[in-house]
Amino acid sequence: MSRNAQLIILALLGWVLPAGAADAPSAPAGSPAPRVVVVQGHGLLNAFLPDDAKVAEAFNLGLEHFTGAATVPAAWLTLVKTNDVVGLKVFSPPGELCGTRPAVIRAITRGLLAAGVPRTQIVIWDKRAEDLRAAGYFDLGEELGVPVAGAMQAGFDTNTFYLPDSPVIGTLVWGDQEFGQTNRGVGKKSFVSKLVCQRLTKIISIAPLLNENSAGVCGHFYSLAMGSVDNTHRFENDSARLAMALPEIVALPAVGDHVVLNVTDALLGQYQGGPAGFLQYSTVMNQLWFSHDPVALDVLAQQELAQARRRFHAPDFQANWEMYTNAALLQLGQNQPARIPVEIIR
Protein backbone atom coordinates (compact mmCIF):
# COMPACT_ATOMS: atom_id res chain seq x y z
CA MET A 1 0.00 0.00 0.00
CA SER A 2 1.34 3.46 -0.87
CA ARG A 3 2.08 6.05 1.78
CA ASN A 4 -0.66 8.33 0.39
CA ALA A 5 -3.20 5.52 0.61
CA GLN A 6 -2.19 4.87 4.22
CA LEU A 7 -2.62 8.55 5.07
CA ILE A 8 -6.08 8.56 3.47
CA ILE A 9 -7.11 5.53 5.57
CA LEU A 10 -5.84 7.22 8.73
CA ALA A 11 -7.80 10.36 7.88
CA LEU A 12 -10.96 8.33 7.34
CA LEU A 13 -10.46 6.74 10.76
CA GLY A 14 -10.20 10.22 12.30
CA TRP A 15 -6.43 10.22 12.89
CA VAL A 16 -4.68 13.50 12.03
CA LEU A 17 -0.93 13.81 11.69
CA PRO A 18 0.74 16.13 14.22
CA ALA A 19 2.82 18.98 12.89
CA GLY A 20 6.10 17.67 11.53
CA ALA A 21 5.09 14.02 11.62
CA ALA A 22 4.97 13.53 7.88
CA ASP A 23 8.61 14.58 7.49
CA ALA A 24 9.99 12.96 10.64
CA PRO A 25 12.68 10.29 10.28
CA SER A 26 11.13 6.85 10.35
CA ALA A 27 11.90 3.88 12.54
CA PRO A 28 14.91 1.80 11.43
CA ALA A 29 14.38 -0.34 8.36
CA GLY A 30 12.89 -3.67 9.26
CA SER A 31 11.13 -2.44 12.39
CA PRO A 32 7.95 -4.52 12.76
CA ALA A 33 4.62 -2.78 12.44
CA PRO A 34 3.13 -2.38 15.91
CA ARG A 35 -0.30 -3.67 16.81
CA VAL A 36 -2.69 -1.10 18.28
CA VAL A 37 -6.20 -1.99 19.39
CA VAL A 38 -8.65 0.81 20.17
CA VAL A 39 -11.87 0.00 22.01
CA GLN A 40 -14.60 2.53 21.24
CA GLY A 41 -17.04 2.34 24.12
CA HIS A 42 -20.32 4.12 24.74
CA GLY A 43 -21.36 5.82 27.95
CA LEU A 44 -18.16 4.90 29.81
CA LEU A 45 -18.30 8.34 31.44
CA ASN A 46 -21.26 10.03 33.08
CA ALA A 47 -20.65 13.71 33.88
CA PHE A 48 -16.89 12.96 33.61
CA LEU A 49 -17.20 10.12 36.16
CA PRO A 50 -16.39 6.61 34.91
CA ASP A 51 -19.01 3.88 35.04
CA ASP A 52 -16.94 1.08 36.61
CA ALA A 53 -18.96 -1.77 35.10
CA LYS A 54 -18.90 -0.34 31.57
CA VAL A 55 -15.20 0.52 31.79
CA ALA A 56 -14.40 -3.03 32.93
CA GLU A 57 -16.48 -4.50 30.11
CA ALA A 58 -14.71 -2.32 27.52
CA PHE A 59 -11.28 -3.03 28.96
CA ASN A 60 -11.81 -6.78 29.03
CA LEU A 61 -13.13 -6.75 25.47
CA GLY A 62 -9.98 -4.93 24.33
CA LEU A 63 -7.65 -7.19 26.29
CA GLU A 64 -9.18 -10.38 24.88
CA HIS A 65 -9.07 -9.00 21.36
CA PHE A 66 -5.48 -7.80 21.75
CA THR A 67 -4.17 -11.10 23.16
CA GLY A 68 -6.43 -13.41 21.16
CA ALA A 69 -7.48 -15.22 24.34
CA ALA A 70 -11.02 -16.44 24.97
CA THR A 71 -11.27 -15.30 28.59
CA VAL A 72 -9.90 -12.48 30.73
CA PRO A 73 -7.78 -14.76 32.99
CA ALA A 74 -6.32 -16.49 29.93
CA ALA A 75 -5.57 -13.11 28.36
CA TRP A 76 -3.62 -11.95 31.41
CA LEU A 77 -1.67 -15.20 31.56
CA THR A 78 -0.28 -14.46 28.08
CA LEU A 79 1.37 -11.38 29.60
CA VAL A 80 2.25 -12.30 33.19
CA LYS A 81 2.81 -15.35 35.38
CA THR A 82 1.24 -15.95 38.75
CA ASN A 83 4.62 -15.61 40.48
CA ASP A 84 5.30 -12.17 38.94
CA VAL A 85 5.15 -8.98 40.96
CA VAL A 86 3.09 -6.81 38.62
CA GLY A 87 3.39 -3.04 38.84
CA LEU A 88 0.48 -0.95 37.55
CA LYS A 89 2.13 2.35 36.58
CA VAL A 90 -0.40 5.17 36.82
CA PHE A 91 -0.03 8.90 36.23
CA SER A 92 -1.64 10.44 39.29
CA PRO A 93 -0.61 14.14 39.65
CA PRO A 94 -3.68 15.48 37.74
CA GLY A 95 -6.04 13.60 40.07
CA GLU A 96 -8.62 10.89 39.46
CA LEU A 97 -10.62 12.79 36.81
CA CYS A 98 -7.83 13.79 34.42
CA GLY A 99 -4.98 11.44 35.35
CA THR A 100 -5.12 7.67 35.02
CA ARG A 101 -8.64 6.85 36.19
CA PRO A 102 -9.06 4.39 39.08
CA ALA A 103 -11.88 2.64 37.19
CA VAL A 104 -9.32 1.36 34.66
CA ILE A 105 -6.98 0.18 37.43
CA ARG A 106 -9.90 -1.51 39.18
CA ALA A 107 -10.64 -3.48 35.98
CA ILE A 108 -6.99 -4.48 35.54
CA THR A 109 -6.57 -5.53 39.16
CA ARG A 110 -9.70 -7.68 39.18
CA GLY A 111 -8.57 -9.33 35.96
CA LEU A 112 -5.14 -10.13 37.40
CA LEU A 113 -6.74 -11.52 40.54
CA ALA A 114 -8.99 -13.72 38.42
CA ALA A 115 -5.88 -14.97 36.62
CA GLY A 116 -4.39 -16.11 39.92
CA VAL A 117 -1.90 -13.32 40.65
CA PRO A 118 -1.86 -12.90 44.46
CA ARG A 119 -3.08 -9.59 45.88
CA THR A 120 0.29 -8.92 47.51
CA GLN A 121 1.97 -9.20 44.10
CA ILE A 122 -0.08 -6.47 42.39
CA VAL A 123 1.35 -3.01 43.11
CA ILE A 124 -0.29 0.27 42.07
CA TRP A 125 2.52 2.80 41.80
CA ASP A 126 3.65 6.23 40.73
CA LYS A 127 6.58 8.43 41.64
CA ARG A 128 5.11 10.15 44.72
CA ALA A 129 2.89 8.65 47.39
CA GLU A 130 1.23 12.02 48.02
CA ASP A 131 -0.02 12.18 44.42
CA LEU A 132 -1.35 8.63 44.68
CA ARG A 133 -3.16 9.48 47.89
CA ALA A 134 -4.72 12.65 46.48
CA ALA A 135 -5.93 10.74 43.40
CA GLY A 136 -7.67 8.12 45.55
CA TYR A 137 -5.30 5.23 44.93
CA PHE A 138 -4.62 4.38 48.55
CA ASP A 139 -8.37 4.11 49.06
CA LEU A 140 -8.56 1.92 45.96
CA GLY A 141 -5.71 -0.24 47.20
CA GLU A 142 -7.53 -0.77 50.49
CA GLU A 143 -10.73 -1.63 48.63
CA LEU A 144 -8.97 -4.22 46.43
CA GLY A 145 -6.52 -5.45 49.07
CA VAL A 146 -3.43 -4.61 47.00
CA PRO A 147 -0.39 -2.49 47.93
CA VAL A 148 0.12 1.06 46.69
CA ALA A 149 3.65 2.45 46.53
CA GLY A 150 5.54 5.63 45.71
CA ALA A 151 8.77 5.02 43.78
CA MET A 152 10.47 7.89 45.58
CA GLN A 153 9.47 6.59 49.00
CA ALA A 154 10.93 3.17 48.11
CA GLY A 155 14.39 4.72 47.72
CA PHE A 156 16.84 4.51 44.83
CA ASP A 157 19.40 1.92 43.76
CA THR A 158 22.83 3.56 43.60
CA ASN A 159 24.08 0.82 41.25
CA THR A 160 21.35 1.35 38.65
CA PHE A 161 21.17 4.77 37.03
CA TYR A 162 20.86 6.88 33.91
CA LEU A 163 23.95 8.90 33.00
CA PRO A 164 23.62 11.02 29.85
CA ASP A 165 26.57 11.33 27.49
CA SER A 166 26.59 15.07 28.22
CA PRO A 167 25.31 15.32 31.80
CA VAL A 168 23.32 18.37 32.79
CA ILE A 169 23.56 19.05 36.50
CA GLY A 170 20.27 20.29 37.82
CA THR A 171 19.13 21.43 41.23
CA LEU A 172 18.67 18.39 43.43
CA VAL A 173 15.57 18.44 45.61
CA TRP A 174 14.51 16.59 48.71
CA GLY A 175 13.88 12.96 47.85
CA ASP A 176 16.66 12.75 45.25
CA GLN A 177 19.32 10.20 46.18
CA GLU A 178 22.18 12.74 46.26
CA PHE A 179 20.26 15.63 47.78
CA GLY A 180 22.48 17.44 50.29
CA GLN A 181 25.71 15.89 49.03
CA THR A 182 28.55 18.12 47.83
CA ASN A 183 31.18 15.70 46.52
CA ARG A 184 32.39 15.90 42.93
CA GLY A 185 30.06 14.48 40.31
CA VAL A 186 26.90 14.93 42.35
CA GLY A 187 23.81 15.55 40.21
CA LYS A 188 25.00 13.86 37.00
CA LYS A 189 23.07 10.62 37.51
CA SER A 190 19.39 9.76 37.75
CA PHE A 191 19.05 6.68 39.95
CA VAL A 192 16.34 4.09 39.33
CA SER A 193 13.85 3.43 42.13
CA LYS A 194 14.35 0.22 44.09
CA LEU A 195 10.65 -0.44 43.54
CA VAL A 196 11.21 -0.61 39.78
CA CYS A 197 14.53 -2.44 39.55
CA GLN A 198 14.38 -4.67 42.63
CA ARG A 199 10.73 -5.43 43.42
CA LEU A 200 8.68 -5.41 40.23
CA THR A 201 9.12 -8.15 37.63
CA LYS A 202 6.45 -6.95 35.16
CA ILE A 203 5.05 -3.46 34.53
CA ILE A 204 1.78 -2.43 32.90
CA SER A 205 1.88 1.24 31.92
CA ILE A 206 -1.49 3.01 32.02
CA ALA A 207 -1.18 6.62 30.84
CA PRO A 208 -3.94 9.20 30.38
CA LEU A 209 -4.58 11.07 27.14
CA LEU A 210 -3.28 14.36 28.49
CA ASN A 211 -1.09 17.07 26.99
CA GLU A 212 2.24 18.26 28.39
CA ASN A 213 3.90 21.26 26.80
CA SER A 214 7.51 20.05 26.86
CA ALA A 215 6.91 16.37 26.04
CA GLY A 216 3.77 16.91 23.95
CA VAL A 217 1.79 14.32 25.87
CA CYS A 218 1.86 12.80 29.38
CA GLY A 219 2.12 9.46 27.68
CA HIS A 220 3.99 6.25 28.37
CA PHE A 221 7.46 7.72 27.93
CA TYR A 222 6.80 10.71 30.16
CA SER A 223 4.94 8.74 32.83
CA LEU A 224 7.29 5.75 33.06
CA ALA A 225 10.61 7.56 32.71
CA MET A 226 9.82 10.47 35.03
CA GLY A 227 8.24 8.12 37.55
CA SER A 228 11.09 5.60 37.66
CA VAL A 229 14.13 7.79 38.41
CA ASP A 230 15.21 10.70 40.59
CA ASN A 231 16.97 13.95 39.59
CA THR A 232 14.40 14.74 36.88
CA HIS A 233 14.18 18.50 37.43
CA ARG A 234 17.10 18.95 35.03
CA PHE A 235 14.89 17.61 32.21
CA GLU A 236 11.55 19.20 33.07
CA ASN A 237 10.34 22.17 31.02
CA ASP A 238 13.08 21.62 28.43
CA SER A 239 11.79 19.83 25.36
CA ALA A 240 15.26 19.15 23.92
CA ARG A 241 16.50 17.51 27.12
CA LEU A 242 13.30 15.50 27.46
CA ALA A 243 13.63 14.33 23.86
CA MET A 244 16.98 12.75 24.72
CA ALA A 245 16.43 11.65 28.31
CA LEU A 246 13.01 9.98 28.29
CA PRO A 247 13.70 7.40 25.54
CA GLU A 248 17.11 6.63 27.03
CA ILE A 249 15.61 6.07 30.49
CA VAL A 250 12.89 3.80 29.10
CA ALA A 251 15.62 1.93 27.18
CA LEU A 252 17.35 1.00 30.45
CA PRO A 253 16.92 -2.77 30.97
CA ALA A 254 15.88 -2.11 34.57
CA VAL A 255 12.95 0.01 33.33
CA GLY A 256 11.65 -0.73 29.86
CA ASP A 257 12.42 -4.45 29.78
CA HIS A 258 9.81 -5.03 32.48
CA VAL A 259 6.92 -3.49 30.50
CA VAL A 260 4.55 -6.11 29.04
CA LEU A 261 1.59 -3.91 28.08
CA ASN A 262 0.84 -0.24 27.46
CA VAL A 263 -2.71 1.05 27.88
CA THR A 264 -3.73 4.61 27.02
CA ASP A 265 -6.68 5.71 29.14
CA ALA A 266 -8.52 7.75 26.54
CA LEU A 267 -11.86 7.88 28.31
CA LEU A 268 -11.22 11.61 28.30
CA GLY A 269 -8.78 13.63 26.21
CA GLN A 270 -7.33 16.81 27.70
CA TYR A 271 -5.73 18.88 24.96
CA GLN A 272 -4.50 21.87 26.99
CA GLY A 273 -3.37 22.67 30.54
CA GLY A 274 -1.56 19.43 31.39
CA PRO A 275 -0.03 17.91 33.38
CA ALA A 276 -2.56 19.53 35.74
CA GLY A 277 -6.20 18.60 35.32
CA PHE A 278 -8.55 21.00 33.52
CA LEU A 279 -11.91 19.54 32.53
CA GLN A 280 -12.76 22.69 30.54
CA TYR A 281 -10.01 21.71 28.09
CA SER A 282 -11.19 18.13 27.80
CA THR A 283 -13.32 16.13 25.41
CA VAL A 284 -15.10 12.85 26.12
CA MET A 285 -13.74 10.02 23.94
CA ASN A 286 -14.86 6.79 25.67
CA GLN A 287 -11.80 4.92 24.35
CA LEU A 288 -9.10 2.55 25.64
CA TRP A 289 -5.96 1.89 23.56
CA PHE A 290 -3.77 -1.25 23.82
CA SER A 291 -0.30 -1.94 22.44
CA HIS A 292 3.12 -3.38 23.20
CA ASP A 293 4.56 -0.30 21.47
CA PRO A 294 4.72 2.84 23.68
CA VAL A 295 6.03 4.95 20.79
CA ALA A 296 3.02 4.16 18.63
CA LEU A 297 0.54 4.97 21.40
CA ASP A 298 2.22 8.27 22.26
CA VAL A 299 2.38 9.28 18.59
CA LEU A 300 -1.33 8.54 18.18
CA ALA A 301 -1.98 10.52 21.37
CA GLN A 302 -0.16 13.49 19.83
CA GLN A 303 -2.41 13.17 16.79
CA GLU A 304 -5.61 13.04 18.78
CA LEU A 305 -4.75 16.02 20.97
CA ALA A 306 -3.67 18.08 17.95
CA GLN A 307 -7.01 17.29 16.30
CA ALA A 308 -8.89 18.30 19.46
CA ARG A 309 -7.03 21.61 19.66
CA ARG A 310 -8.05 22.40 16.11
CA ARG A 311 -11.63 21.32 16.72
CA PHE A 312 -11.99 23.56 19.76
CA HIS A 313 -9.87 26.42 18.34
CA ALA A 314 -7.32 26.10 21.15
CA PRO A 315 -3.77 27.42 20.78
CA ASP A 316 -1.52 24.88 19.11
CA PHE A 317 2.12 24.19 19.86
CA GLN A 318 4.95 22.30 18.22
CA ALA A 319 4.87 18.67 19.26
CA ASN A 320 8.09 17.19 20.63
CA TRP A 321 8.55 14.98 17.60
CA GLU A 322 12.28 14.58 18.27
CA MET A 323 11.53 12.41 21.31
CA TYR A 324 9.81 9.78 19.20
CA THR A 325 12.46 9.96 16.50
CA ASN A 326 15.05 9.20 19.18
CA ALA A 327 12.84 6.42 20.58
CA ALA A 328 12.56 4.85 17.12
CA LEU A 329 16.32 5.02 16.63
CA LEU A 330 16.67 3.15 19.94
CA GLN A 331 14.28 0.56 18.45
CA LEU A 332 11.68 1.20 21.13
CA GLY A 333 8.82 1.41 18.63
CA GLN A 334 7.32 2.91 15.51
CA ASN A 335 7.15 6.71 15.20
CA GLN A 336 5.56 6.96 11.75
CA PRO A 337 1.75 7.24 12.01
CA ALA A 338 1.23 5.87 8.51
CA ARG A 339 3.00 2.67 9.59
CA ILE A 340 0.84 2.12 12.67
CA PRO A 341 -2.18 -0.04 11.85
CA VAL A 342 -5.10 0.66 14.20
CA GLU A 343 -7.80 -1.94 14.89
CA ILE A 344 -10.98 -0.29 16.15
CA ILE A 345 -13.50 -2.49 17.95
CA ARG A 346 -16.83 -1.42 19.39
Foldseek 3Di string as FASTA:
>chain_A
DDLVVLVVVCVVVVFFAAPPQVVFDWFPPPQDFWEKEKEFFPPQDDVLHGDLVRLLVSVFVRLCVVQVHPGLLVSVCVQDDQPFQEEEQWDQQQAQRFTQHVSNVLSVLVSPVVNNNDQASYEYEFADPVSCVRNCNVVVCVVSVHHYDHLLVQPFDPVAWDADPDFDADQADPSAPCPPPDDPPPRRIWTFGCCQQPPGQAYEYETELEQDAQQGGCFRLVGQQVGGTGSCPRPPPHNVSSLPRSLVSCLRCSGVVRYRKYKYHVQKHALDDPPHDDCVRIDGRNMMMIINQRLQVVSSSSRVSQVSCVVVVHDDDRHSLSSSSVNSHSVRHINRNSSHDYHYDD
